[in-house]
Amino acid sequence: MLPFAFAPTAGLASATSEPLAWSLVLAAGVLVASIVPLGAARSQSNFTMADIAAPRAMFERLPAWGQRASWAHQNCFEAFVLHAPAVLLCLLVGATAPWTAAVALAHPLLRLVYIGAYVVNKPLLRSLCWASALFCSALLYGAGLVAVVAG
């Protein structure tokens, strides 16, 4: 038995469910898109078929921006792992705070800017985007928990 009122049809039918679902899809898309600058860096580093066996071993051959692209790509997985459950929680419990849609959609946008800022070496912008996107996920967890407590 779940410790909260679970009504997926009510939660999924809310006005905020579509933006939340799009946030999840867009966040996954940002994760996939983070491969593009990394792939470009690898192609400039004489990537060969032999590198397929150990693609991370070529890290030292990447240019500085390519190394940052690799770090940004790795961080995208970490961000997605935090954001996705927050969105799913809001969807499942029907979190309907009016700001949840905006916060959910801001996350993938901030993450996309984060990747660009990381690759072109803008640490302040990168840090602001990282912290803001993390805060978006935290707000979604809060909205989901409020909905759970409100029952």
C-alpha atoms as a PDB file:
ATOM      1  CA  MET A   1       0.000   0.000   0.000  1.00  0.00           C
ATOM      2  CA  LEU A   2       1.351   3.402  -0.970  1.00  0.00           C
ATOM      3  CA  PRO A   3       1.651   5.991   1.838  1.00  0.00           C
ATOM      4  CA  PHE A   4      -0.150   8.621  -0.264  1.00  0.00           C
ATOM      5  CA  ALA A   5      -3.237   8.891  -2.391  1.00  0.00           C
ATOM      6  CA  PHE A   6      -2.129   7.649  -5.793  1.00  0.00           C
ATOM      7  CA  ALA A   7      -4.502   8.724  -8.527  1.00  0.00           C
ATOM      8  CA  PRO A   8      -2.573   8.642 -11.809  1.00  0.00           C
ATOM      9  CA  THR A   9      -5.562   9.617 -13.925  1.00  0.00           C
ATOM     10  CA  ALA A  10      -6.168  12.737 -11.852  1.00  0.00           C
ATOM     11  CA  GLY A  11      -2.497  13.681 -11.882  1.00  0.00           C
ATOM     12  CA  LEU A  12      -2.012  13.015 -15.564  1.00  0.00           C
ATOM     13  CA  ALA A  13      -5.103  14.957 -16.522  1.00  0.00           C
ATOM     14  CA  SER A  14      -4.011  18.170 -14.823  1.00  0.00           C
ATOM     15  CA  ALA A  15      -3.165  21.314 -16.763  1.00  0.00           C
ATOM     16  CA  THR A  16       0.485  21.038 -15.744  1.00  0.00           C
ATOM     17  CA  SER A  17       1.006  17.471 -16.914  1.00  0.00           C
ATOM     18  CA  GLU A  18       1.813  18.312 -20.530  1.00  0.00           C
ATOM     19  CA  PRO A  19       4.650  20.759 -19.729  1.00  0.00           C
ATOM     20  CA  LEU A  20       5.986  18.317 -17.158  1.00  0.00           C
ATOM     21  CA  ALA A  21       6.018  15.520 -19.723  1.00  0.00           C
ATOM     22  CA  TRP A  22       7.710  17.815 -22.233  1.00  0.00           C
ATOM     23  CA  SER A  23      10.295  18.730 -19.610  1.00  0.00           C
ATOM     24  CA  LEU A  24      11.164  15.069 -19.232  1.00  0.00           C
ATOM     25  CA  VAL A  25      11.454  14.573 -22.995  1.00  0.00           C
ATOM     26  CA  LEU A  26      13.466  17.779 -23.467  1.00  0.00           C
ATOM     27  CA  ALA A  27      15.806  16.946 -20.588  1.00  0.00           C
ATOM     28  CA  ALA A  28      16.518  13.583 -22.220  1.00  0.00           C
ATOM     29  CA  GLY A  29      17.042  15.397 -25.516  1.00  0.00           C
ATOM     30  CA  VAL A  30      19.568  17.738 -23.908  1.00  0.00           C
ATOM     31  CA  LEU A  31      21.432  14.712 -22.578  1.00  0.00           C
ATOM     32  CA  VAL A  32      21.578  13.242 -26.087  1.00  0.00           C
ATOM     33  CA  ALA A  33      22.507  16.631 -27.594  1.00  0.00           C
ATOM     34  CA  SER A  34      25.462  16.890 -25.224  1.00  0.00           C
ATOM     35  CA  ILE A  35      27.117  14.210 -27.356  1.00  0.00           C
ATOM     36  CA  VAL A  36      27.414  16.623 -30.314  1.00  0.00           C
ATOM     37  CA  PRO A  37      30.259  18.833 -29.025  1.00  0.00           C
ATOM     38  CA  LEU A  38      32.004  15.777 -27.597  1.00  0.00           C
ATOM     39  CA  GLY A  39      31.778  14.028 -30.968  1.00  0.00           C
ATOM     40  CA  ALA A  40      33.135  17.135 -32.687  1.00  0.00           C
ATOM     41  CA  ALA A  41      36.086  17.200 -30.299  1.00  0.00           C
ATOM     42  CA  ARG A  42      36.780  13.527 -30.880  1.00  0.00           C
ATOM     43  CA  SER A  43      36.716  14.014 -34.642  1.00  0.00           C
ATOM     44  CA  GLN A  44      39.317  16.783 -34.277  1.00  0.00           C
ATOM     45  CA  SER A  45      41.469  14.470 -32.167  1.00  0.00           C
ATOM     46  CA  ASN A  46      42.046  11.858 -34.856  1.00  0.00           C
ATOM     47  CA  PHE A  47      39.434   9.434 -33.540  1.00  0.00           C
ATOM     48  CA  THR A  48      40.100   6.025 -35.087  1.00  0.00           C
ATOM     49  CA  MET A  49      38.302   2.716 -35.031  1.00  0.00           C
ATOM     50  CA  ALA A  50      40.832   1.548 -32.430  1.00  0.00           C
ATOM     51  CA  ASP A  51      39.480   4.224 -30.068  1.00  0.00           C
ATOM     52  CA  ILE A  52      36.104   2.473 -30.012  1.00  0.00           C
ATOM     53  CA  ALA A  53      37.567  -0.081 -27.606  1.00  0.00           C
ATOM     54  CA  ALA A  54      38.388   2.653 -25.064  1.00  0.00           C
ATOM     55  CA  PRO A  55      36.844   6.002 -26.061  1.00  0.00           C
ATOM     56  CA  ARG A  56      37.554   7.571 -22.663  1.00  0.00           C
ATOM     57  CA  ALA A  57      41.255   6.772 -23.016  1.00  0.00           C
ATOM     58  CA  MET A  58      41.570   9.442 -25.690  1.00  0.00           C
ATOM     59  CA  PHE A  59      40.586  12.186 -23.225  1.00  0.00           C
ATOM     60  CA  GLU A  60      44.139  13.565 -23.069  1.00  0.00           C
ATOM     61  CA  ARG A  61      44.165  13.972 -26.875  1.00  0.00           C
ATOM     62  CA  LEU A  62      41.073  16.181 -26.824  1.00  0.00           C
ATOM     63  CA  PRO A  63      41.529  19.944 -27.109  1.00  0.00           C
ATOM     64  CA  ALA A  64      40.713  21.928 -23.953  1.00  0.00           C
ATOM     65  CA  TRP A  65      37.189  22.717 -25.191  1.00  0.00           C
ATOM     66  CA  GLY A  66      36.708  19.025 -25.968  1.00  0.00           C
ATOM     67  CA  GLN A  67      37.688  18.049 -22.455  1.00  0.00           C
ATOM     68  CA  ARG A  68      35.120  20.530 -21.147  1.00  0.00           C
ATOM     69  CA  ALA A  69      32.571  19.018 -23.566  1.00  0.00           C
ATOM     70  CA  SER A  70      33.316  15.614 -22.058  1.00  0.00           C
ATOM     71  CA  TRP A  71      32.785  16.932 -18.531  1.00  0.00           C
ATOM     72  CA  ALA A  72      29.564  18.664 -19.584  1.00  0.00           C
ATOM     73  CA  HIS A  73      28.328  15.433 -21.171  1.00  0.00           C
ATOM     74  CA  GLN A  74      29.060  13.455 -18.007  1.00  0.00           C
ATOM     75  CA  ASN A  75      27.316  16.073 -15.871  1.00  0.00           C
ATOM     76  CA  CYS A  76      24.228  15.826 -18.083  1.00  0.00           C
ATOM     77  CA  PHE A  77      23.689  12.273 -16.862  1.00  0.00           C
ATOM     78  CA  GLU A  78      23.913  13.433 -13.257  1.00  0.00           C
ATOM     79  CA  ALA A  79      21.443  16.252 -13.865  1.00  0.00           C
ATOM     80  CA  PHE A  80      18.999  13.992 -15.669  1.00  0.00           C
ATOM     81  CA  VAL A  81      19.110  11.426 -12.866  1.00  0.00           C
ATOM     82  CA  LEU A  82      18.067  14.162 -10.424  1.00  0.00           C
ATOM     83  CA  HIS A  83      15.513  15.898 -12.646  1.00  0.00           C
ATOM     84  CA  ALA A  84      13.603  12.924 -14.063  1.00  0.00           C
ATOM     85  CA  PRO A  85      12.360  11.557 -10.708  1.00  0.00           C
ATOM     86  CA  ALA A  86      11.256  15.058  -9.672  1.00  0.00           C
ATOM     87  CA  VAL A  87       9.167  15.403 -12.830  1.00  0.00           C
ATOM     88  CA  LEU A  88       7.772  11.887 -12.482  1.00  0.00           C
ATOM     89  CA  LEU A  89       6.851  12.551  -8.857  1.00  0.00           C
ATOM     90  CA  CYS A  90       4.935  15.679  -9.884  1.00  0.00           C
ATOM     91  CA  LEU A  91       3.197  13.792 -12.680  1.00  0.00           C
ATOM     92  CA  LEU A  92       2.241  10.840 -10.493  1.00  0.00           C
ATOM     93  CA  VAL A  93       0.883  12.801  -7.544  1.00  0.00           C
ATOM     94  CA  GLY A  94      -0.711  15.556  -9.628  1.00  0.00           C
ATOM     95  CA  ALA A  95       1.366  18.463  -8.325  1.00  0.00           C
ATOM     96  CA  THR A  96      -0.570  21.440  -9.638  1.00  0.00           C
ATOM     97  CA  ALA A  97       1.249  24.487  -8.295  1.00  0.00           C
ATOM     98  CA  PRO A  98       0.951  27.120 -11.033  1.00  0.00           C
ATOM     99  CA  TRP A  99       4.717  27.540 -11.334  1.00  0.00           C
ATOM    100  CA  THR A 100       5.609  23.861 -11.773  1.00  0.00           C
ATOM    101  CA  ALA A 101       5.262  23.987 -15.565  1.00  0.00           C
ATOM    102  CA  ALA A 102       7.578  26.995 -15.888  1.00  0.00           C
ATOM    103  CA  VAL A 103      10.156  25.517 -13.539  1.00  0.00           C
ATOM    104  CA  ALA A 104      10.040  22.141 -15.269  1.00  0.00           C
ATOM    105  CA  LEU A 105      10.558  23.695 -18.700  1.00  0.00           C
ATOM    106  CA  ALA A 106      13.280  26.045 -17.450  1.00  0.00           C
ATOM    107  CA  HIS A 107      15.439  23.090 -16.444  1.00  0.00           C
ATOM    108  CA  PRO A 108      16.224  21.738 -19.950  1.00  0.00           C
ATOM    109  CA  LEU A 109      16.752  25.270 -21.270  1.00  0.00           C
ATOM    110  CA  LEU A 110      19.208  26.032 -18.474  1.00  0.00           C
ATOM    111  CA  ARG A 111      20.993  22.744 -19.085  1.00  0.00           C
ATOM    112  CA  LEU A 112      21.364  23.529 -22.784  1.00  0.00           C
ATOM    113  CA  VAL A 113      22.905  26.917 -21.964  1.00  0.00           C
ATOM    114  CA  TYR A 114      25.082  25.143 -19.378  1.00  0.00           C
ATOM    115  CA  ILE A 115      26.578  22.884 -22.054  1.00  0.00           C
ATOM    116  CA  GLY A 116      27.378  25.833 -24.291  1.00  0.00           C
ATOM    117  CA  ALA A 117      28.850  27.828 -21.425  1.00  0.00           C
ATOM    118  CA  TYR A 118      30.973  24.882 -20.366  1.00  0.00           C
ATOM    119  CA  VAL A 119      32.321  24.214 -23.860  1.00  0.00           C
ATOM    120  CA  VAL A 120      33.224  27.879 -24.522  1.00  0.00           C
ATOM    121  CA  ASN A 121      34.677  28.226 -20.995  1.00  0.00           C
ATOM    122  CA  LYS A 122      32.341  30.721 -19.330  1.00  0.00           C
ATOM    123  CA  PRO A 123      32.584  29.456 -15.724  1.00  0.00           C
ATOM    124  CA  LEU A 124      30.288  32.028 -14.110  1.00  0.00           C
ATOM    125  CA  LEU A 125      27.483  31.472 -16.625  1.00  0.00           C
ATOM    126  CA  ARG A 126      28.025  27.721 -16.415  1.00  0.00           C
ATOM    127  CA  SER A 127      27.805  27.776 -12.619  1.00  0.00           C
ATOM    128  CA  LEU A 128      24.682  29.939 -12.628  1.00  0.00           C
ATOM    129  CA  CYS A 129      22.968  27.616 -15.108  1.00  0.00           C
ATOM    130  CA  TRP A 130      24.014  24.546 -13.142  1.00  0.00           C
ATOM    131  CA  ALA A 131      22.755  25.949  -9.831  1.00  0.00           C
ATOM    132  CA  SER A 132      19.531  27.288 -11.364  1.00  0.00           C
ATOM    133  CA  ALA A 133      18.726  23.976 -13.049  1.00  0.00           C
ATOM    134  CA  LEU A 134      19.434  22.117  -9.804  1.00  0.00           C
ATOM    135  CA  PHE A 135      17.143  24.556  -7.995  1.00  0.00           C
ATOM    136  CA  CYS A 136      14.410  23.847 -10.583  1.00  0.00           C
ATOM    137  CA  SER A 137      14.629  20.138  -9.789  1.00  0.00           C
ATOM    138  CA  ALA A 138      14.559  20.877  -6.053  1.00  0.00           C
ATOM    139  CA  LEU A 139      11.427  22.999  -6.487  1.00  0.00           C
ATOM    140  CA  LEU A 140       9.748  20.150  -8.366  1.00  0.00           C
ATOM    141  CA  TYR A 141      10.605  17.726  -5.573  1.00  0.00           C
ATOM    142  CA  GLY A 142       9.096  20.218  -3.144  1.00  0.00           C
ATOM    143  CA  ALA A 143       5.904  20.570  -5.195  1.00  0.00           C
ATOM    144  CA  GLY A 144       5.617  16.808  -5.420  1.00  0.00           C
ATOM    145  CA  LEU A 145       6.097  16.368  -1.693  1.00  0.00           C
ATOM    146  CA  VAL A 146       3.547  19.089  -0.935  1.00  0.00           C
ATOM    147  CA  ALA A 147       1.053  17.260  -3.152  1.00  0.00           C
ATOM    148  CA  VAL A 148       1.805  13.975  -1.364  1.00  0.00           C
ATOM    149  CA  VAL A 149       1.313  15.536   2.078  1.00  0.00           C
ATOM    150  CA  ALA A 150      -1.871  17.306   0.969  1.00  0.00           C
ATOM    151  CA  GLY A 151      -3.125  13.900  -0.106  1.00  0.00           C
END
